[in-house]
Structures are given as C-alpha cells and as structure tokens.
Amino acid sequence: MNNDILMFTMGILFQLIVISLALALFSSIFVQSRKKGLIFLTIYVLLSIYIIYDGYKYSAIMGSSMLFIYISLGIVTYFVIKKRLAKGTGI
C-alpha cells in the first residue's frame, strides 16, 4: 500500500515538472514562430493523449489527476501567451 502512494505521488510530481517545462518551451517557440509552435503543439498533444491513456490504465485517479494537471497548466499557458502577444514581447 505504501509503495502505491509513493509511486502515485512521484508520478504526479514528475508529470507536473515535465508538463511545466514542455509548456514553457511551447510558449517561447509559439511566440517566436507560430508555425513551429503549432508543430510542437501537435506533437505535444499526441504524446499527452498517450500518457493520459497510460495513466488511466494504471489507475482512474492517476489518469484524472494527470488530465487535471494538463488542463490547468494549458489554461495558464494560454493566458501567458495571450499576454505576451498583446505586449509584443518576444521572450
């Protein structure tokens, strides 16, 4: 039982870190070049679908937590990009 809780916690923390880094990279690429940003976003979304599918295979709670993280950080990234484009700043 304790190993499951530890694995769940480590998996969620790992996803949080990786998703944050990927979305930070996406936002900087998208602001510089929209075409390259959309290509990166396509690859990111396809990989995210696969990762969430694997999370749901492991546990419904794990998959739902990962989905919540993806959606919440995606919304934050949207507003960050919107703010950067409105200001006209590149990076």
Protein backbone atom coordinates (compact mmCIF):
# COMPACT_ATOMS: atom_id res chain seq x y z
CA MET A 1 0.00 0.00 0.00
CA ASN A 2 2.76 2.47 0.88
CA ASN A 3 4.56 1.80 -2.38
CA ASP A 4 1.40 2.65 -4.34
CA ILE A 5 1.05 6.01 -2.61
CA LEU A 6 4.73 6.79 -3.16
CA MET A 7 4.52 5.79 -6.83
CA PHE A 8 1.36 7.85 -7.31
CA THR A 9 2.96 10.91 -5.68
CA MET A 10 6.17 10.58 -7.68
CA GLY A 11 4.23 10.09 -10.91
CA ILE A 12 2.13 13.20 -10.32
CA LEU A 13 5.17 15.31 -9.36
CA PHE A 14 7.08 14.06 -12.40
CA GLN A 15 4.14 14.91 -14.68
CA LEU A 16 3.84 18.35 -13.12
CA ILE A 17 7.51 19.13 -13.74
CA VAL A 18 7.61 17.71 -17.28
CA ILE A 19 4.36 19.39 -18.35
CA SER A 20 5.51 22.73 -16.94
CA LEU A 21 8.78 22.52 -18.84
CA ALA A 22 7.07 21.42 -22.07
CA LEU A 23 4.52 24.23 -21.91
CA ALA A 24 7.21 26.81 -21.12
CA LEU A 25 9.13 25.59 -24.16
CA PHE A 26 5.97 25.68 -26.26
CA SER A 27 5.11 29.24 -25.24
CA SER A 28 8.56 30.54 -26.19
CA ILE A 29 8.53 28.66 -29.51
CA PHE A 30 4.98 29.79 -30.33
CA VAL A 31 5.71 33.47 -29.64
CA GLN A 32 8.78 33.37 -31.89
CA SER A 33 7.28 31.30 -34.76
CA ARG A 34 3.67 30.23 -34.89
CA LYS A 35 4.28 27.51 -37.48
CA LYS A 36 6.97 25.84 -35.39
CA GLY A 37 4.83 26.33 -32.30
CA LEU A 38 1.86 24.56 -33.88
CA ILE A 39 4.07 21.66 -34.95
CA PHE A 40 5.39 21.39 -31.39
CA LEU A 41 1.83 21.61 -30.04
CA THR A 42 0.68 18.79 -32.31
CA ILE A 43 3.47 16.50 -31.11
CA TYR A 44 2.82 17.55 -27.50
CA VAL A 45 -0.92 16.82 -27.73
CA LEU A 46 -0.37 13.39 -29.30
CA LEU A 47 2.15 12.47 -26.62
CA SER A 48 -0.17 13.80 -23.91
CA ILE A 49 -3.04 11.63 -25.13
CA TYR A 50 -0.80 8.57 -24.97
CA ILE A 51 0.49 9.44 -21.48
CA ILE A 52 -3.00 10.10 -20.12
CA TYR A 53 -4.18 6.79 -21.63
CA ASP A 54 -1.37 5.00 -19.80
CA GLY A 55 -2.28 6.85 -16.61
CA TYR A 56 -5.87 5.64 -16.87
CA LYS A 57 -4.65 2.08 -17.46
CA TYR A 58 -2.74 2.28 -14.18
CA SER A 59 -5.47 3.95 -12.13
CA ALA A 60 -8.51 6.15 -12.68
CA ILE A 61 -7.27 8.54 -10.01
CA MET A 62 -3.85 8.79 -11.66
CA GLY A 63 -5.36 9.44 -15.09
CA SER A 64 -7.81 12.01 -13.74
CA SER A 65 -5.05 13.79 -11.83
CA MET A 66 -2.90 13.92 -14.94
CA LEU A 67 -5.81 15.22 -17.01
CA PHE A 68 -6.47 17.94 -14.41
CA ILE A 69 -2.79 18.96 -14.50
CA TYR A 70 -2.76 19.10 -18.30
CA ILE A 71 -5.93 21.20 -18.45
CA SER A 72 -4.96 23.64 -15.68
CA LEU A 73 -1.43 24.24 -16.95
CA GLY A 74 -2.76 24.52 -20.51
CA ILE A 75 -5.10 27.31 -19.41
CA VAL A 76 -2.26 29.10 -17.61
CA THR A 77 -0.09 28.80 -20.73
CA TYR A 78 -2.89 30.20 -22.90
CA PHE A 79 -3.12 33.34 -20.78
CA VAL A 80 0.68 33.72 -20.67
CA ILE A 81 0.87 33.54 -24.47
CA LYS A 82 -2.07 35.90 -24.84
CA LYS A 83 -0.35 38.42 -22.53
CA ARG A 84 2.98 38.13 -24.37
CA LEU A 85 1.36 38.62 -27.78
CA ALA A 86 -0.63 41.61 -26.53
CA LYS A 87 2.54 43.24 -25.17
CA GLY A 88 4.54 42.40 -28.27
CA THR A 89 7.42 40.91 -26.32
CA GLY A 90 9.32 38.06 -27.92
CA ILE A 91 10.65 36.23 -24.89
